[in-house]
Amino acid sequence: MTIEEYNPSSFSQHLLPVTSDQLIKKLTYWQIKYKYFEHIPLMTVKESKSVQNLFLSENQGGGHIKNLFLRDHKKNYLLLVTHQDALINLKSLQNNINVGRLSFGSKESLFKMLGVFPGAVSPFAMINGVKNNIPIFIDKNLQFYTKLYAHPLVNDRTLEITVQELELFFRKINVVPNWIEI
């Protein structure tokens, strides 16, 4: 299967450098608390909204996210995590985080740098991104949600996790997230 024929669901997780199953085993081993959900494969925020009745609503403290794999004009990559409905102005963001002109990274670069296919990007991809020195920038407003929802490297599963448990995951993999104002 080429990157052109990718399938970001658990069906193709054997192609990933770290599978979803391996990630979940590590979380359990590290005693990181999470709740596991299976659902139809989801490629977009719009599709994700169709299954959000499985999770806490925003009014109940559920933080539903979107994840953007970006690069600057020097091909330095980064991961941005923000609220699913946030409007992102790349020009303002590049000034905010002090990088050059931003654009979206290619699917080939995404796989090489974060070890996931489009549609499965999440903070958990930092388990691979750390090896490539990929910085992660997270909207600090997400810290106010009771639970966050993120794909565990595939797009037909979601993990419910607290910000504190997500930060524990980052510590275990030696990642320091950059909490920023969006």
C-alpha atoms as a PDB file:
ATOM      1  CA  MET A   1       0.000   0.000   0.000  1.00  0.00           C
ATOM      2  CA  THR A   2       1.419   3.380  -0.967  1.00  0.00           C
ATOM      3  CA  ILE A   3       0.856   6.624   0.886  1.00  0.00           C
ATOM      4  CA  GLU A   4      -1.621   7.415  -1.905  1.00  0.00           C
ATOM      5  CA  GLU A   5      -3.707   4.383  -0.933  1.00  0.00           C
ATOM      6  CA  TYR A   6      -3.593   4.910   2.818  1.00  0.00           C
ATOM      7  CA  ASN A   7      -6.320   3.846   5.155  1.00  0.00           C
ATOM      8  CA  PRO A   8      -6.121   5.693   8.486  1.00  0.00           C
ATOM      9  CA  SER A   9      -8.316   3.150  10.302  1.00  0.00           C
ATOM     10  CA  SER A  10      -7.208   0.334  12.575  1.00  0.00           C
ATOM     11  CA  PHE A  11      -7.403  -1.952   9.519  1.00  0.00           C
ATOM     12  CA  SER A  12      -4.048  -0.496   8.383  1.00  0.00           C
ATOM     13  CA  GLN A  13      -2.421   0.102  11.746  1.00  0.00           C
ATOM     14  CA  HIS A  14       0.194  -2.585  10.977  1.00  0.00           C
ATOM     15  CA  LEU A  15       1.739  -0.052   8.545  1.00  0.00           C
ATOM     16  CA  LEU A  16       2.409   2.470  11.332  1.00  0.00           C
ATOM     17  CA  PRO A  17       5.745   2.730  13.186  1.00  0.00           C
ATOM     18  CA  VAL A  18       3.771   2.506  16.452  1.00  0.00           C
ATOM     19  CA  THR A  19       0.383   0.833  16.111  1.00  0.00           C
ATOM     20  CA  SER A  20      -2.727   1.993  17.904  1.00  0.00           C
ATOM     21  CA  ASP A  21      -2.730  -1.266  19.854  1.00  0.00           C
ATOM     22  CA  GLN A  22       0.892  -0.668  20.945  1.00  0.00           C
ATOM     23  CA  LEU A  23       0.064   2.895  22.006  1.00  0.00           C
ATOM     24  CA  ILE A  24      -2.900   1.724  24.071  1.00  0.00           C
ATOM     25  CA  LYS A  25      -0.738  -0.954  25.739  1.00  0.00           C
ATOM     26  CA  LYS A  26       1.859   1.711  26.620  1.00  0.00           C
ATOM     27  CA  LEU A  27      -0.815   4.000  28.086  1.00  0.00           C
ATOM     28  CA  THR A  28      -2.069   1.121  30.211  1.00  0.00           C
ATOM     29  CA  TYR A  29       1.461   0.162  31.272  1.00  0.00           C
ATOM     30  CA  TRP A  30       2.182   3.783  32.224  1.00  0.00           C
ATOM     31  CA  GLN A  31      -1.090   3.815  34.220  1.00  0.00           C
ATOM     32  CA  ILE A  32      -2.465   6.681  32.161  1.00  0.00           C
ATOM     33  CA  LYS A  33      -6.230   6.723  32.579  1.00  0.00           C
ATOM     34  CA  TYR A  34      -8.355   6.878  29.444  1.00  0.00           C
ATOM     35  CA  LYS A  35     -11.674   5.665  28.111  1.00  0.00           C
ATOM     36  CA  TYR A  36     -11.668   3.818  24.779  1.00  0.00           C
ATOM     37  CA  PHE A  37     -14.295   4.159  22.027  1.00  0.00           C
ATOM     38  CA  GLU A  38     -14.672   2.509  18.622  1.00  0.00           C
ATOM     39  CA  HIS A  39     -16.692   4.127  15.823  1.00  0.00           C
ATOM     40  CA  ILE A  40     -16.829   4.560  12.069  1.00  0.00           C
ATOM     41  CA  PRO A  41     -13.670   6.009  10.451  1.00  0.00           C
ATOM     42  CA  LEU A  42     -13.671   9.815  10.654  1.00  0.00           C
ATOM     43  CA  MET A  43     -11.635  12.022   8.316  1.00  0.00           C
ATOM     44  CA  THR A  44     -12.888  15.517   9.183  1.00  0.00           C
ATOM     45  CA  VAL A  45     -14.269  17.578  12.044  1.00  0.00           C
ATOM     46  CA  LYS A  46     -17.634  17.548  10.261  1.00  0.00           C
ATOM     47  CA  GLU A  47     -17.620  13.736  10.246  1.00  0.00           C
ATOM     48  CA  SER A  48     -16.462  13.680  13.884  1.00  0.00           C
ATOM     49  CA  LYS A  49     -19.459  15.741  14.902  1.00  0.00           C
ATOM     50  CA  SER A  50     -21.712  12.930  13.632  1.00  0.00           C
ATOM     51  CA  VAL A  51     -20.502  10.606  16.442  1.00  0.00           C
ATOM     52  CA  GLN A  52     -20.030  13.110  19.255  1.00  0.00           C
ATOM     53  CA  ASN A  53     -23.148  11.839  20.974  1.00  0.00           C
ATOM     54  CA  LEU A  54     -20.846   9.026  22.203  1.00  0.00           C
ATOM     55  CA  PHE A  55     -18.840  11.560  24.212  1.00  0.00           C
ATOM     56  CA  LEU A  56     -19.342  14.356  26.707  1.00  0.00           C
ATOM     57  CA  SER A  57     -20.846  17.410  25.066  1.00  0.00           C
ATOM     58  CA  GLU A  58     -19.051  20.714  25.280  1.00  0.00           C
ATOM     59  CA  ASN A  59     -21.568  21.826  27.926  1.00  0.00           C
ATOM     60  CA  GLN A  60     -20.600  18.750  29.974  1.00  0.00           C
ATOM     61  CA  GLY A  61     -16.884  19.541  29.681  1.00  0.00           C
ATOM     62  CA  GLY A  62     -16.015  17.617  26.516  1.00  0.00           C
ATOM     63  CA  GLY A  63     -13.182  19.172  24.540  1.00  0.00           C
ATOM     64  CA  HIS A  64     -13.365  18.124  20.916  1.00  0.00           C
ATOM     65  CA  ILE A  65     -10.175  18.923  19.033  1.00  0.00           C
ATOM     66  CA  LYS A  66      -8.720  19.315  15.587  1.00  0.00           C
ATOM     67  CA  ASN A  67      -5.086  18.747  14.760  1.00  0.00           C
ATOM     68  CA  LEU A  68      -3.120  20.526  12.061  1.00  0.00           C
ATOM     69  CA  PHE A  69       0.222  19.296  10.744  1.00  0.00           C
ATOM     70  CA  LEU A  70       2.009  22.422   9.553  1.00  0.00           C
ATOM     71  CA  ARG A  71       5.380  23.445   8.158  1.00  0.00           C
ATOM     72  CA  ASP A  72       7.169  26.733   7.771  1.00  0.00           C
ATOM     73  CA  HIS A  73       8.982  27.953   4.653  1.00  0.00           C
ATOM     74  CA  LYS A  74      12.191  26.211   5.841  1.00  0.00           C
ATOM     75  CA  LYS A  75      10.400  22.857   6.110  1.00  0.00           C
ATOM     76  CA  ASN A  76      10.337  22.882   9.899  1.00  0.00           C
ATOM     77  CA  TYR A  77       7.248  20.922  10.936  1.00  0.00           C
ATOM     78  CA  LEU A  78       4.903  21.344  13.889  1.00  0.00           C
ATOM     79  CA  LEU A  79       1.660  19.989  15.262  1.00  0.00           C
ATOM     80  CA  LEU A  80      -1.111  22.381  16.288  1.00  0.00           C
ATOM     81  CA  VAL A  81      -3.943  21.138  18.513  1.00  0.00           C
ATOM     82  CA  THR A  82      -6.948  23.364  19.029  1.00  0.00           C
ATOM     83  CA  HIS A  83     -10.695  23.290  19.590  1.00  0.00           C
ATOM     84  CA  GLN A  84     -12.521  21.690  16.681  1.00  0.00           C
ATOM     85  CA  ASP A  85     -14.356  24.922  15.821  1.00  0.00           C
ATOM     86  CA  ALA A  86     -11.398  27.297  16.183  1.00  0.00           C
ATOM     87  CA  LEU A  87     -10.710  29.461  13.171  1.00  0.00           C
ATOM     88  CA  ILE A  88      -6.973  29.427  12.548  1.00  0.00           C
ATOM     89  CA  ASN A  89      -5.276  32.368  10.907  1.00  0.00           C
ATOM     90  CA  LEU A  90      -1.907  30.963   9.840  1.00  0.00           C
ATOM     91  CA  LYS A  91      -0.362  34.419   9.520  1.00  0.00           C
ATOM     92  CA  SER A  92      -1.322  35.332  13.098  1.00  0.00           C
ATOM     93  CA  LEU A  93      -0.229  31.909  14.312  1.00  0.00           C
ATOM     94  CA  GLN A  94       3.212  32.192  12.714  1.00  0.00           C
ATOM     95  CA  ASN A  95       3.717  35.548  14.456  1.00  0.00           C
ATOM     96  CA  ASN A  96       2.424  34.120  17.748  1.00  0.00           C
ATOM     97  CA  ILE A  97       4.849  31.182  17.750  1.00  0.00           C
ATOM     98  CA  ASN A  98       7.676  33.026  15.991  1.00  0.00           C
ATOM     99  CA  VAL A  99       8.074  30.894  12.863  1.00  0.00           C
ATOM    100  CA  GLY A 100       8.208  31.677   9.161  1.00  0.00           C
ATOM    101  CA  ARG A 101       5.345  31.447   6.670  1.00  0.00           C
ATOM    102  CA  LEU A 102       3.134  28.458   7.538  1.00  0.00           C
ATOM    103  CA  SER A 103       1.409  26.005   5.254  1.00  0.00           C
ATOM    104  CA  PHE A 104       0.088  22.475   5.570  1.00  0.00           C
ATOM    105  CA  GLY A 105       2.533  19.583   5.535  1.00  0.00           C
ATOM    106  CA  SER A 106       2.153  16.888   2.887  1.00  0.00           C
ATOM    107  CA  LYS A 107       0.725  13.462   3.673  1.00  0.00           C
ATOM    108  CA  GLU A 108       4.142  11.952   2.954  1.00  0.00           C
ATOM    109  CA  SER A 109       5.791  14.318   5.456  1.00  0.00           C
ATOM    110  CA  LEU A 110       3.015  13.629   7.952  1.00  0.00           C
ATOM    111  CA  PHE A 111       3.725   9.912   7.810  1.00  0.00           C
ATOM    112  CA  LYS A 112       7.500  10.416   7.957  1.00  0.00           C
ATOM    113  CA  MET A 113       7.399  12.915  10.859  1.00  0.00           C
ATOM    114  CA  LEU A 114       4.407  11.780  12.956  1.00  0.00           C
ATOM    115  CA  GLY A 115       3.895   8.198  11.790  1.00  0.00           C
ATOM    116  CA  VAL A 116       0.186   8.568  10.987  1.00  0.00           C
ATOM    117  CA  PHE A 117      -2.009   8.966   7.933  1.00  0.00           C
ATOM    118  CA  PRO A 118      -4.254  11.997   7.265  1.00  0.00           C
ATOM    119  CA  GLY A 119      -7.426  11.681   9.298  1.00  0.00           C
ATOM    120  CA  ALA A 120      -5.631  10.156  12.297  1.00  0.00           C
ATOM    121  CA  VAL A 121      -3.509  13.097  13.467  1.00  0.00           C
ATOM    122  CA  SER A 122      -3.677  13.726  17.215  1.00  0.00           C
ATOM    123  CA  PRO A 123      -1.466  14.609  20.187  1.00  0.00           C
ATOM    124  CA  PHE A 124      -0.765  10.873  20.533  1.00  0.00           C
ATOM    125  CA  ALA A 125       1.232  11.057  17.267  1.00  0.00           C
ATOM    126  CA  MET A 126       3.926  12.781  19.312  1.00  0.00           C
ATOM    127  CA  ILE A 127       5.025   9.270  20.311  1.00  0.00           C
ATOM    128  CA  ASN A 128       6.625   9.329  16.847  1.00  0.00           C
ATOM    129  CA  GLY A 129       7.044  13.093  16.490  1.00  0.00           C
ATOM    130  CA  VAL A 130       9.396  13.297  19.453  1.00  0.00           C
ATOM    131  CA  LYS A 131      11.976  11.263  17.509  1.00  0.00           C
ATOM    132  CA  ASN A 132      11.852  13.915  14.767  1.00  0.00           C
ATOM    133  CA  ASN A 133      11.933  16.917  17.128  1.00  0.00           C
ATOM    134  CA  ILE A 134       8.445  18.013  16.112  1.00  0.00           C
ATOM    135  CA  PRO A 135       7.142  20.700  18.463  1.00  0.00           C
ATOM    136  CA  ILE A 136       3.521  20.590  19.571  1.00  0.00           C
ATOM    137  CA  PHE A 137       1.482  23.736  20.162  1.00  0.00           C
ATOM    138  CA  ILE A 138      -1.788  23.352  22.042  1.00  0.00           C
ATOM    139  CA  ASP A 139      -4.511  25.936  22.509  1.00  0.00           C
ATOM    140  CA  LYS A 140      -4.353  26.726  26.227  1.00  0.00           C
ATOM    141  CA  ASN A 141      -8.153  27.081  26.311  1.00  0.00           C
ATOM    142  CA  LEU A 142      -8.324  23.286  26.011  1.00  0.00           C
ATOM    143  CA  GLN A 143      -6.971  23.111  29.592  1.00  0.00           C
ATOM    144  CA  PHE A 144     -10.414  24.146  30.833  1.00  0.00           C
ATOM    145  CA  TYR A 145     -12.211  21.062  29.521  1.00  0.00           C
ATOM    146  CA  THR A 146     -12.908  18.103  31.791  1.00  0.00           C
ATOM    147  CA  LYS A 147     -12.074  15.583  29.054  1.00  0.00           C
ATOM    148  CA  LEU A 148     -10.376  15.770  25.664  1.00  0.00           C
ATOM    149  CA  TYR A 149     -11.069  13.419  22.771  1.00  0.00           C
ATOM    150  CA  ALA A 150      -8.256  12.278  20.467  1.00  0.00           C
ATOM    151  CA  HIS A 151      -7.601   9.478  17.994  1.00  0.00           C
ATOM    152  CA  PRO A 152      -5.003   6.918  19.131  1.00  0.00           C
ATOM    153  CA  LEU A 153      -3.081   6.950  15.792  1.00  0.00           C
ATOM    154  CA  VAL A 154      -6.077   5.619  13.801  1.00  0.00           C
ATOM    155  CA  ASN A 155      -9.362   7.300  12.935  1.00  0.00           C
ATOM    156  CA  ASP A 156     -11.883   4.637  13.933  1.00  0.00           C
ATOM    157  CA  ARG A 157     -11.013   4.851  17.623  1.00  0.00           C
ATOM    158  CA  THR A 158     -11.103   7.713  20.097  1.00  0.00           C
ATOM    159  CA  LEU A 159      -9.648   8.037  23.569  1.00  0.00           C
ATOM    160  CA  GLU A 160     -11.232  10.206  26.245  1.00  0.00           C
ATOM    161  CA  ILE A 161      -8.490  11.639  28.445  1.00  0.00           C
ATOM    162  CA  THR A 162      -8.026  14.466  30.924  1.00  0.00           C
ATOM    163  CA  VAL A 163      -5.504  17.216  30.296  1.00  0.00           C
ATOM    164  CA  GLN A 164      -3.531  15.960  33.316  1.00  0.00           C
ATOM    165  CA  GLU A 165      -3.339  12.429  31.901  1.00  0.00           C
ATOM    166  CA  LEU A 166      -2.377  13.807  28.464  1.00  0.00           C
ATOM    167  CA  GLU A 167       0.418  15.791  30.118  1.00  0.00           C
ATOM    168  CA  LEU A 168       1.541  12.584  31.862  1.00  0.00           C
ATOM    169  CA  PHE A 169       1.723  10.936  28.415  1.00  0.00           C
ATOM    170  CA  PHE A 170       3.885  13.840  27.191  1.00  0.00           C
ATOM    171  CA  ARG A 171       6.220  13.444  30.184  1.00  0.00           C
ATOM    172  CA  LYS A 172       6.544   9.698  29.529  1.00  0.00           C
ATOM    173  CA  ILE A 173       7.680  10.352  25.946  1.00  0.00           C
ATOM    174  CA  ASN A 174       9.803  13.415  26.871  1.00  0.00           C
ATOM    175  CA  VAL A 175       7.696  16.010  25.064  1.00  0.00           C
ATOM    176  CA  VAL A 176       7.166  19.507  26.418  1.00  0.00           C
ATOM    177  CA  PRO A 177       3.939  20.872  24.913  1.00  0.00           C
ATOM    178  CA  ASN A 178       3.706  24.585  24.137  1.00  0.00           C
ATOM    179  CA  TRP A 179       0.392  25.860  25.520  1.00  0.00           C
ATOM    180  CA  ILE A 180      -0.453  28.968  23.515  1.00  0.00           C
ATOM    181  CA  GLU A 181      -3.177  31.554  23.051  1.00  0.00           C
ATOM    182  CA  ILE A 182      -4.922  31.028  19.715  1.00  0.00           C
END
